[in-house]
Amino acid sequence: MSDPSKSTPIEAEIVSATLVDDAPHPEPDAKHWIEELTDNRAIVLGTLFFVTGVLGLPLLWISRQFTPLQKWLLSIVVTIYTLVLIVIVAVVLMWSWNQIQQSIA
């Protein structure tokens, strides 16, 4: 270990300093675009049931337009709805695969 009495001092130079108050502030009434989306119940429900399914759940949970109970119930319904759609797609794919195999044989 080195002897602290023999160490050399570190020289530093402050280049510039800025104050946080100099930064531009957003308008107090300005909403982020996500807040505008989540404040519209129709957009949130449309996203859940017609666009993304379970991928829209974060949008639901960000929204302030739904109570916690509504969020839980909608989360369960959307998850079941998405699983049913996945099963339907799997059944159609299996049926199509069987039709292709029968037409080849």
Foldseek 3Di string as FASTA:
>chain_A
DDDVVPDDDDDDDDDDDDDPVVDDDDDPPDDDVLQVQLQDPVSLVCCCQPNPQLVSLVSPVVHPPDDPVRSVVSNVVSVVVVVVVVVVVVVVVVVVVVVVVVVVD
